[in-house]
Amino acid sequence: MPLNSPLYENLKGQVYDIAQIAAGRGNAEAQTEGFRDVYDLIMSDSDHPRQPAFLGLIMDRLSEKQRPILLDGLAREYAGVDSWMAYVDREE
């Protein structure tokens, strides 16, 4: 799947409110802190509570088929790796 596929971008839009809750800020505040957006902030530190909060909150919003599309896309876009599992492996 291309990096910024319409489905991936749509899923990011569907969970933007969740990302704001998990990060405690939106895109404007994240950009003020030097991040591209709130997703970049969430992906910046896997040890920070905002990342597990985001992961937990998307469980009820996205289907089992949608979650890997979003997470793999986030890993590609913000961490430069091929998949969420590659991101997780790199973070360990």
C-alpha atoms as a PDB file:
ATOM      1  CA  MET A   1       0.000   0.000   0.000  1.00  0.00           C
ATOM      2  CA  PRO A   2       1.358   3.447  -0.870  1.00  0.00           C
ATOM      3  CA  LEU A   3       2.553   5.566   2.024  1.00  0.00           C
ATOM      4  CA  ASN A   4      -0.325   8.031   1.946  1.00  0.00           C
ATOM      5  CA  SER A   5      -3.119   5.917   0.513  1.00  0.00           C
ATOM      6  CA  PRO A   6      -6.643   7.361   0.681  1.00  0.00           C
ATOM      7  CA  LEU A   7      -7.699   4.597   3.094  1.00  0.00           C
ATOM      8  CA  TYR A   8      -4.789   5.289   5.453  1.00  0.00           C
ATOM      9  CA  GLU A   9      -5.458   9.037   5.353  1.00  0.00           C
ATOM     10  CA  ASN A  10      -9.159   8.398   5.990  1.00  0.00           C
ATOM     11  CA  LEU A  11      -8.351   6.220   9.013  1.00  0.00           C
ATOM     12  CA  LYS A  12      -6.066   8.929  10.415  1.00  0.00           C
ATOM     13  CA  GLY A  13      -8.971  11.335  10.107  1.00  0.00           C
ATOM     14  CA  GLN A  14     -11.349   8.911  11.817  1.00  0.00           C
ATOM     15  CA  VAL A  15      -9.113   8.639  14.886  1.00  0.00           C
ATOM     16  CA  TYR A  16      -7.828  12.217  15.076  1.00  0.00           C
ATOM     17  CA  ASP A  17     -10.035  12.903  18.099  1.00  0.00           C
ATOM     18  CA  ILE A  18      -8.564   9.825  19.800  1.00  0.00           C
ATOM     19  CA  ALA A  19      -5.042  11.006  18.974  1.00  0.00           C
ATOM     20  CA  GLN A  20      -5.831  14.370  20.568  1.00  0.00           C
ATOM     21  CA  ILE A  21      -7.129  12.682  23.725  1.00  0.00           C
ATOM     22  CA  ALA A  22      -4.131  10.355  23.983  1.00  0.00           C
ATOM     23  CA  ALA A  23      -1.601  13.125  23.362  1.00  0.00           C
ATOM     24  CA  GLY A  24      -3.403  15.802  25.344  1.00  0.00           C
ATOM     25  CA  ARG A  25      -3.053  18.209  22.414  1.00  0.00           C
ATOM     26  CA  GLY A  26      -3.898  18.638  18.746  1.00  0.00           C
ATOM     27  CA  ASN A  27      -1.889  19.273  15.612  1.00  0.00           C
ATOM     28  CA  ALA A  28      -1.279  22.965  16.297  1.00  0.00           C
ATOM     29  CA  GLU A  29       0.144  22.337  19.759  1.00  0.00           C
ATOM     30  CA  ALA A  30       2.228  19.384  18.543  1.00  0.00           C
ATOM     31  CA  GLN A  31       3.645  21.551  15.748  1.00  0.00           C
ATOM     32  CA  THR A  32       4.489  24.264  18.274  1.00  0.00           C
ATOM     33  CA  GLU A  33       6.520  21.615  20.113  1.00  0.00           C
ATOM     34  CA  GLY A  34       8.430  20.737  16.925  1.00  0.00           C
ATOM     35  CA  PHE A  35       6.441  17.735  15.689  1.00  0.00           C
ATOM     36  CA  ARG A  36       4.809  17.420  12.248  1.00  0.00           C
ATOM     37  CA  ASP A  37       1.449  16.671  13.833  1.00  0.00           C
ATOM     38  CA  VAL A  38      -0.138  14.856  16.766  1.00  0.00           C
ATOM     39  CA  TYR A  39       0.641  11.444  15.228  1.00  0.00           C
ATOM     40  CA  ASP A  40       4.333  12.343  15.011  1.00  0.00           C
ATOM     41  CA  LEU A  41       4.170  13.236  18.703  1.00  0.00           C
ATOM     42  CA  ILE A  42       2.523   9.915  19.571  1.00  0.00           C
ATOM     43  CA  MET A  43       5.067   7.958  17.529  1.00  0.00           C
ATOM     44  CA  SER A  44       8.032   9.890  18.959  1.00  0.00           C
ATOM     45  CA  ASP A  45       8.258   7.919  22.212  1.00  0.00           C
ATOM     46  CA  SER A  46       6.912   4.395  22.585  1.00  0.00           C
ATOM     47  CA  ASP A  47       7.621   4.517  26.326  1.00  0.00           C
ATOM     48  CA  HIS A  48       5.395   7.530  26.920  1.00  0.00           C
ATOM     49  CA  PRO A  49       1.848   6.748  28.169  1.00  0.00           C
ATOM     50  CA  ARG A  50       0.296   8.549  25.186  1.00  0.00           C
ATOM     51  CA  GLN A  51       1.204   5.715  22.793  1.00  0.00           C
ATOM     52  CA  PRO A  52      -0.442   2.850  24.727  1.00  0.00           C
ATOM     53  CA  ALA A  53      -3.401   5.152  25.408  1.00  0.00           C
ATOM     54  CA  PHE A  54      -3.795   5.758  21.671  1.00  0.00           C
ATOM     55  CA  LEU A  55      -3.494   2.045  20.904  1.00  0.00           C
ATOM     56  CA  GLY A  56      -6.088   1.156  23.513  1.00  0.00           C
ATOM     57  CA  LEU A  57      -8.531   3.802  22.366  1.00  0.00           C
ATOM     58  CA  ILE A  58      -8.433   2.819  18.682  1.00  0.00           C
ATOM     59  CA  MET A  59      -9.469  -0.741  19.567  1.00  0.00           C
ATOM     60  CA  ASP A  60     -13.119   0.282  19.904  1.00  0.00           C
ATOM     61  CA  ARG A  61     -13.121   2.650  16.923  1.00  0.00           C
ATOM     62  CA  LEU A  62     -11.400   0.616  14.217  1.00  0.00           C
ATOM     63  CA  SER A  63     -12.068  -2.895  13.015  1.00  0.00           C
ATOM     64  CA  GLU A  64      -9.518  -5.687  13.139  1.00  0.00           C
ATOM     65  CA  LYS A  65      -8.858  -5.106   9.425  1.00  0.00           C
ATOM     66  CA  GLN A  66      -8.533  -1.330   9.755  1.00  0.00           C
ATOM     67  CA  ARG A  67      -6.067  -1.283  12.656  1.00  0.00           C
ATOM     68  CA  PRO A  68      -3.109  -2.817  10.767  1.00  0.00           C
ATOM     69  CA  ILE A  69      -3.643  -0.406   7.866  1.00  0.00           C
ATOM     70  CA  LEU A  70      -3.460   2.547  10.248  1.00  0.00           C
ATOM     71  CA  LEU A  71      -0.609   1.224  12.383  1.00  0.00           C
ATOM     72  CA  ASP A  72       1.520   0.059   9.441  1.00  0.00           C
ATOM     73  CA  GLY A  73       0.948   3.449   7.831  1.00  0.00           C
ATOM     74  CA  LEU A  74       1.983   5.296  10.984  1.00  0.00           C
ATOM     75  CA  ALA A  75       5.129   3.161  11.211  1.00  0.00           C
ATOM     76  CA  ARG A  76       5.996   3.921   7.576  1.00  0.00           C
ATOM     77  CA  GLU A  77       5.193   7.619   7.729  1.00  0.00           C
ATOM     78  CA  TYR A  78       6.664   8.534  11.102  1.00  0.00           C
ATOM     79  CA  ALA A  79       9.283   5.882  11.864  1.00  0.00           C
ATOM     80  CA  GLY A  80      10.460   5.013   8.352  1.00  0.00           C
ATOM     81  CA  VAL A  81       9.966   1.272   8.770  1.00  0.00           C
ATOM     82  CA  ASP A  82       7.837  -1.131   6.723  1.00  0.00           C
ATOM     83  CA  SER A  83       5.311  -2.178   9.345  1.00  0.00           C
ATOM     84  CA  TRP A  84       4.079  -1.725  12.877  1.00  0.00           C
ATOM     85  CA  MET A  85       5.836  -4.936  13.900  1.00  0.00           C
ATOM     86  CA  ALA A  86       9.135  -3.603  12.515  1.00  0.00           C
ATOM     87  CA  TYR A  87       8.559  -0.435  14.560  1.00  0.00           C
ATOM     88  CA  VAL A  88       7.855  -2.472  17.702  1.00  0.00           C
ATOM     89  CA  ASP A  89      10.903  -4.658  17.119  1.00  0.00           C
ATOM     90  CA  ARG A  90      13.075  -1.575  16.669  1.00  0.00           C
ATOM     91  CA  GLU A  91      11.785  -0.012  19.873  1.00  0.00           C
ATOM     92  CA  GLU A  92      12.589  -3.032  22.064  1.00  0.00           C
END
